[in-house]
Amino acid sequence: MTGRGLEPLDLDRHLDLVHAWVTHPRSVYWEMQGASVEDVRSEYTAIAANPHHEALIGTVDGRPAFLVERYAPAHSELAEHLVPTAGDVGMHVLVAPPAEGAAPVSGWTDAIFAAVMSWLFADPTVDRVVVEPDVRNEAIRAKNVAAGFVELREIELPSKTAMLSTCDREAFAASRLATAPGGDRALV
């Protein structure tokens, strides 16, 4: 995977694509199954207006390949479940489903996940990444652990029972995803 980058989500350019991704059957834990295009526009317009939350499109070789949300846990629904620190950043990542009829590429999600984590920790103010996957989402929970996350406890959020998990930069640096062969994982 070469030529990776991140750019702010532009609803004029990316709305139909993001709608297809978040409503895809593989994205059930994104909690937008059945959402209309306007529902997705409304959700991401609200994120864009929130000074503590942002959405970005990740590209590989110039083509959109994943969606990243970065947020401040202290200003989110996690604030009552976590003692936030100044160095915390929350993250959501959604890797685009394979094109219809295309076979999944081995290691693709690992490489994107590692690139996102490297990008987050490239910011010297970030000490810890916080995630809150649905407890039933075993695939992303395993990916989180492979990236160095520690599962702290189950928490009740308005739309799900989540597994509150954190990863500091040392745990990520020692993780299977960070140490796997694959060359430069830089996003920007």
C-alpha atoms as a PDB file:
ATOM      1  CA  MET A   1       0.000   0.000   0.000  1.00  0.00           C
ATOM      2  CA  THR A   2       1.585   3.245  -1.133  1.00  0.00           C
ATOM      3  CA  GLY A   3       0.427   6.784  -1.654  1.00  0.00           C
ATOM      4  CA  ARG A   4      -1.749   7.065   1.446  1.00  0.00           C
ATOM      5  CA  GLY A   5      -3.272  10.300   2.653  1.00  0.00           C
ATOM      6  CA  LEU A   6      -5.961  11.900   4.752  1.00  0.00           C
ATOM      7  CA  GLU A   7      -8.242  14.760   3.877  1.00  0.00           C
ATOM      8  CA  PRO A   8     -11.209  16.315   5.636  1.00  0.00           C
ATOM      9  CA  LEU A   9     -14.507  14.693   4.741  1.00  0.00           C
ATOM     10  CA  ASP A  10     -16.141  16.827   2.055  1.00  0.00           C
ATOM     11  CA  LEU A  11     -19.848  16.025   1.949  1.00  0.00           C
ATOM     12  CA  ASP A  12     -20.202  17.548  -1.511  1.00  0.00           C
ATOM     13  CA  ARG A  13     -17.659  15.039  -2.850  1.00  0.00           C
ATOM     14  CA  HIS A  14     -17.881  12.084  -0.468  1.00  0.00           C
ATOM     15  CA  LEU A  15     -21.498  11.817   0.704  1.00  0.00           C
ATOM     16  CA  ASP A  16     -22.649   9.021  -1.628  1.00  0.00           C
ATOM     17  CA  LEU A  17     -19.476   7.049  -0.999  1.00  0.00           C
ATOM     18  CA  VAL A  18     -19.656   7.382   2.787  1.00  0.00           C
ATOM     19  CA  HIS A  19     -23.361   6.519   2.692  1.00  0.00           C
ATOM     20  CA  ALA A  20     -22.546   3.308   0.798  1.00  0.00           C
ATOM     21  CA  TRP A  21     -19.819   2.437   3.302  1.00  0.00           C
ATOM     22  CA  VAL A  22     -21.732   3.100   6.539  1.00  0.00           C
ATOM     23  CA  THR A  23     -24.883   1.303   5.344  1.00  0.00           C
ATOM     24  CA  HIS A  24     -23.044  -1.726   3.916  1.00  0.00           C
ATOM     25  CA  PRO A  25     -23.913  -5.003   5.678  1.00  0.00           C
ATOM     26  CA  ARG A  26     -20.270  -5.338   6.848  1.00  0.00           C
ATOM     27  CA  SER A  27     -20.632  -1.983   8.649  1.00  0.00           C
ATOM     28  CA  VAL A  28     -23.453  -3.040  10.950  1.00  0.00           C
ATOM     29  CA  TYR A  29     -21.584  -1.831  14.046  1.00  0.00           C
ATOM     30  CA  TRP A  30     -21.319   1.666  12.565  1.00  0.00           C
ATOM     31  CA  GLU A  31     -24.980   1.890  13.641  1.00  0.00           C
ATOM     32  CA  MET A  32     -26.237   3.430  10.397  1.00  0.00           C
ATOM     33  CA  GLN A  33     -27.911   0.456   8.734  1.00  0.00           C
ATOM     34  CA  GLY A  34     -30.966   1.736   6.908  1.00  0.00           C
ATOM     35  CA  ALA A  35     -29.828   5.369   7.081  1.00  0.00           C
ATOM     36  CA  SER A  36     -30.809   7.550   4.154  1.00  0.00           C
ATOM     37  CA  VAL A  37     -28.328   9.752   2.317  1.00  0.00           C
ATOM     38  CA  GLU A  38     -29.835  12.706   4.187  1.00  0.00           C
ATOM     39  CA  ASP A  39     -29.409  10.909   7.543  1.00  0.00           C
ATOM     40  CA  VAL A  40     -25.707  10.466   6.768  1.00  0.00           C
ATOM     41  CA  ARG A  41     -25.434  14.095   5.652  1.00  0.00           C
ATOM     42  CA  SER A  42     -27.035  15.213   8.919  1.00  0.00           C
ATOM     43  CA  GLU A  43     -24.708  13.049  11.052  1.00  0.00           C
ATOM     44  CA  TYR A  44     -21.540  14.285   9.344  1.00  0.00           C
ATOM     45  CA  THR A  45     -22.734  17.892   9.235  1.00  0.00           C
ATOM     46  CA  ALA A  46     -23.093  17.687  13.024  1.00  0.00           C
ATOM     47  CA  ILE A  47     -19.587  16.215  13.329  1.00  0.00           C
ATOM     48  CA  ALA A  48     -18.179  19.007  11.148  1.00  0.00           C
ATOM     49  CA  ALA A  49     -19.843  21.588  13.397  1.00  0.00           C
ATOM     50  CA  ASN A  50     -18.428  20.014  16.577  1.00  0.00           C
ATOM     51  CA  PRO A  51     -15.072  21.574  17.552  1.00  0.00           C
ATOM     52  CA  HIS A  52     -14.165  18.347  19.391  1.00  0.00           C
ATOM     53  CA  HIS A  53     -14.866  15.861  16.579  1.00  0.00           C
ATOM     54  CA  GLU A  54     -13.723  15.551  12.973  1.00  0.00           C
ATOM     55  CA  ALA A  55     -14.170  13.128  10.098  1.00  0.00           C
ATOM     56  CA  LEU A  56     -11.555  12.425   7.452  1.00  0.00           C
ATOM     57  CA  ILE A  57     -11.363  10.330   4.314  1.00  0.00           C
ATOM     58  CA  GLY A  58      -8.302   8.149   3.943  1.00  0.00           C
ATOM     59  CA  THR A  59      -6.983   7.528   0.480  1.00  0.00           C
ATOM     60  CA  VAL A  60      -4.699   4.874  -0.947  1.00  0.00           C
ATOM     61  CA  ASP A  61      -3.121   5.627  -4.306  1.00  0.00           C
ATOM     62  CA  GLY A  62      -5.483   8.595  -4.613  1.00  0.00           C
ATOM     63  CA  ARG A  63      -8.659   6.551  -4.123  1.00  0.00           C
ATOM     64  CA  PRO A  64     -10.902   6.786  -1.040  1.00  0.00           C
ATOM     65  CA  ALA A  65     -10.352   3.661   1.057  1.00  0.00           C
ATOM     66  CA  PHE A  66     -11.358   4.401   4.649  1.00  0.00           C
ATOM     67  CA  LEU A  67     -13.110   6.798   6.998  1.00  0.00           C
ATOM     68  CA  VAL A  68     -11.553   8.066  10.232  1.00  0.00           C
ATOM     69  CA  GLU A  69     -13.184   9.998  13.030  1.00  0.00           C
ATOM     70  CA  ARG A  70     -11.000  11.662  15.647  1.00  0.00           C
ATOM     71  CA  TYR A  71     -12.640  13.144  18.741  1.00  0.00           C
ATOM     72  CA  ALA A  72     -11.942  14.413  22.245  1.00  0.00           C
ATOM     73  CA  PRO A  73     -13.220  11.817  24.747  1.00  0.00           C
ATOM     74  CA  ALA A  74     -13.611  14.498  27.435  1.00  0.00           C
ATOM     75  CA  HIS A  75     -16.250  16.138  25.208  1.00  0.00           C
ATOM     76  CA  SER A  76     -18.089  12.962  24.249  1.00  0.00           C
ATOM     77  CA  GLU A  77     -20.423  10.397  25.755  1.00  0.00           C
ATOM     78  CA  LEU A  78     -17.302   8.697  27.165  1.00  0.00           C
ATOM     79  CA  ALA A  79     -16.613  11.526  29.614  1.00  0.00           C
ATOM     80  CA  GLU A  80     -18.676   9.892  32.363  1.00  0.00           C
ATOM     81  CA  HIS A  81     -16.956   6.504  31.878  1.00  0.00           C
ATOM     82  CA  LEU A  82     -13.314   7.514  31.738  1.00  0.00           C
ATOM     83  CA  VAL A  83     -11.031   9.849  33.612  1.00  0.00           C
ATOM     84  CA  PRO A  84      -9.860  11.754  30.545  1.00  0.00           C
ATOM     85  CA  THR A  85      -6.387  13.195  30.297  1.00  0.00           C
ATOM     86  CA  ALA A  86      -5.142  16.062  28.151  1.00  0.00           C
ATOM     87  CA  GLY A  87      -3.343  13.557  25.917  1.00  0.00           C
ATOM     88  CA  ASP A  88      -6.432  11.461  25.054  1.00  0.00           C
ATOM     89  CA  VAL A  89      -7.870  11.156  21.574  1.00  0.00           C
ATOM     90  CA  GLY A  90     -10.837   9.046  20.547  1.00  0.00           C
ATOM     91  CA  MET A  91     -10.867   7.223  17.240  1.00  0.00           C
ATOM     92  CA  HIS A  92     -13.291   5.421  14.949  1.00  0.00           C
ATOM     93  CA  VAL A  93     -12.093   3.824  11.713  1.00  0.00           C
ATOM     94  CA  LEU A  94     -14.125   2.226   8.946  1.00  0.00           C
ATOM     95  CA  VAL A  95     -12.303   0.431   6.146  1.00  0.00           C
ATOM     96  CA  ALA A  96     -14.261   0.511   2.894  1.00  0.00           C
ATOM     97  CA  PRO A  97     -15.795  -2.824   1.984  1.00  0.00           C
ATOM     98  CA  PRO A  98     -14.230  -4.541  -1.035  1.00  0.00           C
ATOM     99  CA  ALA A  99     -15.735  -3.582  -4.366  1.00  0.00           C
ATOM    100  CA  GLU A 100     -18.534  -5.887  -5.427  1.00  0.00           C
ATOM    101  CA  GLY A 101     -17.036  -9.124  -6.690  1.00  0.00           C
ATOM    102  CA  ALA A 102     -13.538  -8.248  -5.452  1.00  0.00           C
ATOM    103  CA  ALA A 103     -11.745 -10.516  -3.030  1.00  0.00           C
ATOM    104  CA  PRO A 104     -10.530  -9.017   0.247  1.00  0.00           C
ATOM    105  CA  VAL A 105      -6.805  -8.223   0.269  1.00  0.00           C
ATOM    106  CA  SER A 106      -4.879 -10.003   3.011  1.00  0.00           C
ATOM    107  CA  GLY A 107      -3.411  -7.542   5.516  1.00  0.00           C
ATOM    108  CA  TRP A 108      -5.312  -4.554   4.101  1.00  0.00           C
ATOM    109  CA  THR A 109      -7.228  -3.706   7.284  1.00  0.00           C
ATOM    110  CA  ASP A 110      -4.116  -4.273   9.431  1.00  0.00           C
ATOM    111  CA  ALA A 111      -2.135  -1.831   7.289  1.00  0.00           C
ATOM    112  CA  ILE A 112      -4.853   0.831   7.402  1.00  0.00           C
ATOM    113  CA  PHE A 113      -5.397   0.403  11.140  1.00  0.00           C
ATOM    114  CA  ALA A 114      -1.641   0.655  11.804  1.00  0.00           C
ATOM    115  CA  ALA A 115      -1.407   3.733   9.576  1.00  0.00           C
ATOM    116  CA  VAL A 116      -4.249   5.442  11.459  1.00  0.00           C
ATOM    117  CA  MET A 117      -2.682   4.659  14.825  1.00  0.00           C
ATOM    118  CA  SER A 118       0.733   5.906  13.610  1.00  0.00           C
ATOM    119  CA  TRP A 119      -0.918   9.090  12.353  1.00  0.00           C
ATOM    120  CA  LEU A 120      -2.648   9.669  15.703  1.00  0.00           C
ATOM    121  CA  PHE A 121       0.576   9.138  17.652  1.00  0.00           C
ATOM    122  CA  ALA A 122       2.528  11.368  15.247  1.00  0.00           C
ATOM    123  CA  ASP A 123       0.809  14.225  17.085  1.00  0.00           C
ATOM    124  CA  PRO A 124       3.109  14.829  20.085  1.00  0.00           C
ATOM    125  CA  THR A 125       0.141  15.926  22.222  1.00  0.00           C
ATOM    126  CA  VAL A 126      -1.479  12.472  21.937  1.00  0.00           C
ATOM    127  CA  ASP A 127      -0.553  10.064  24.726  1.00  0.00           C
ATOM    128  CA  ARG A 128      -3.466   7.640  24.577  1.00  0.00           C
ATOM    129  CA  VAL A 129      -6.064   6.514  22.035  1.00  0.00           C
ATOM    130  CA  VAL A 130      -9.514   5.613  23.342  1.00  0.00           C
ATOM    131  CA  VAL A 131     -12.052   3.410  21.540  1.00  0.00           C
ATOM    132  CA  GLU A 132     -15.468   2.049  22.455  1.00  0.00           C
ATOM    133  CA  PRO A 133     -16.461  -0.765  20.076  1.00  0.00           C
ATOM    134  CA  ASP A 134     -19.707  -2.652  20.470  1.00  0.00           C
ATOM    135  CA  VAL A 135     -18.970  -5.655  22.705  1.00  0.00           C
ATOM    136  CA  ARG A 136     -20.388  -7.956  20.001  1.00  0.00           C
ATOM    137  CA  ASN A 137     -17.904  -6.714  17.388  1.00  0.00           C
ATOM    138  CA  GLU A 138     -15.307  -9.412  17.952  1.00  0.00           C
ATOM    139  CA  ALA A 139     -13.392  -8.594  14.754  1.00  0.00           C
ATOM    140  CA  ILE A 140     -12.599  -4.985  15.678  1.00  0.00           C
ATOM    141  CA  ARG A 141     -11.973  -5.904  19.287  1.00  0.00           C
ATOM    142  CA  ALA A 142      -9.326  -8.395  18.114  1.00  0.00           C
ATOM    143  CA  LYS A 143      -7.858  -5.729  15.802  1.00  0.00           C
ATOM    144  CA  ASN A 144      -7.722  -3.305  18.724  1.00  0.00           C
ATOM    145  CA  VAL A 145      -5.865  -5.831  20.890  1.00  0.00           C
ATOM    146  CA  ALA A 146      -3.449  -6.527  18.006  1.00  0.00           C
ATOM    147  CA  ALA A 147      -2.730  -2.761  17.961  1.00  0.00           C
ATOM    148  CA  GLY A 148      -1.935  -2.714  21.690  1.00  0.00           C
ATOM    149  CA  PHE A 149      -5.285  -1.712  23.169  1.00  0.00           C
ATOM    150  CA  VAL A 150      -6.187  -2.899  26.654  1.00  0.00           C
ATOM    151  CA  GLU A 151      -9.848  -3.704  27.175  1.00  0.00           C
ATOM    152  CA  LEU A 152     -10.814  -1.955  30.414  1.00  0.00           C
ATOM    153  CA  ARG A 153     -14.480  -2.764  30.935  1.00  0.00           C
ATOM    154  CA  GLU A 154     -17.935  -2.871  29.409  1.00  0.00           C
ATOM    155  CA  ILE A 155     -19.831   0.403  29.543  1.00  0.00           C
ATOM    156  CA  GLU A 156     -23.405   1.309  28.675  1.00  0.00           C
ATOM    157  CA  LEU A 157     -23.734   3.978  25.997  1.00  0.00           C
ATOM    158  CA  PRO A 158     -27.048   5.257  24.608  1.00  0.00           C
ATOM    159  CA  SER A 159     -26.900   3.030  21.522  1.00  0.00           C
ATOM    160  CA  LYS A 160     -24.803   0.037  22.629  1.00  0.00           C
ATOM    161  CA  THR A 161     -22.926  -1.868  25.262  1.00  0.00           C
ATOM    162  CA  ALA A 162     -19.329  -0.942  24.484  1.00  0.00           C
ATOM    163  CA  MET A 163     -15.912  -2.246  25.442  1.00  0.00           C
ATOM    164  CA  LEU A 164     -13.974   0.764  26.687  1.00  0.00           C
ATOM    165  CA  SER A 165     -10.372   0.266  25.567  1.00  0.00           C
ATOM    166  CA  THR A 166      -7.217   2.372  25.599  1.00  0.00           C
ATOM    167  CA  CYS A 167      -3.794   2.228  23.980  1.00  0.00           C
ATOM    168  CA  ASP A 168      -0.779   4.341  24.854  1.00  0.00           C
ATOM    169  CA  ARG A 169       2.043   5.015  22.412  1.00  0.00           C
ATOM    170  CA  GLU A 170       4.390   2.465  24.042  1.00  0.00           C
ATOM    171  CA  ALA A 171       1.786  -0.313  23.802  1.00  0.00           C
ATOM    172  CA  PHE A 172       1.130   0.518  20.155  1.00  0.00           C
ATOM    173  CA  ALA A 173       4.859   0.642  19.337  1.00  0.00           C
ATOM    174  CA  ALA A 174       5.269  -2.862  20.799  1.00  0.00           C
ATOM    175  CA  SER A 175       2.109  -4.263  19.180  1.00  0.00           C
ATOM    176  CA  ARG A 176       1.838  -6.824  16.414  1.00  0.00           C
ATOM    177  CA  LEU A 177       0.377  -4.233  14.030  1.00  0.00           C
ATOM    178  CA  ALA A 178       3.117  -1.683  14.633  1.00  0.00           C
ATOM    179  CA  THR A 179       5.932  -4.197  14.313  1.00  0.00           C
ATOM    180  CA  ALA A 180       4.616  -6.140  11.319  1.00  0.00           C
ATOM    181  CA  PRO A 181       6.566  -5.838   8.084  1.00  0.00           C
ATOM    182  CA  GLY A 182       5.056  -3.381   5.660  1.00  0.00           C
ATOM    183  CA  GLY A 183       7.343  -0.409   5.418  1.00  0.00           C
ATOM    184  CA  ASP A 184       6.280   3.191   5.963  1.00  0.00           C
ATOM    185  CA  ARG A 185       2.805   3.511   7.390  1.00  0.00           C
ATOM    186  CA  ALA A 186       2.664   7.274   7.185  1.00  0.00           C
ATOM    187  CA  LEU A 187      -0.667   8.761   6.156  1.00  0.00           C
ATOM    188  CA  VAL A 188       0.460  12.309   5.557  1.00  0.00           C
END
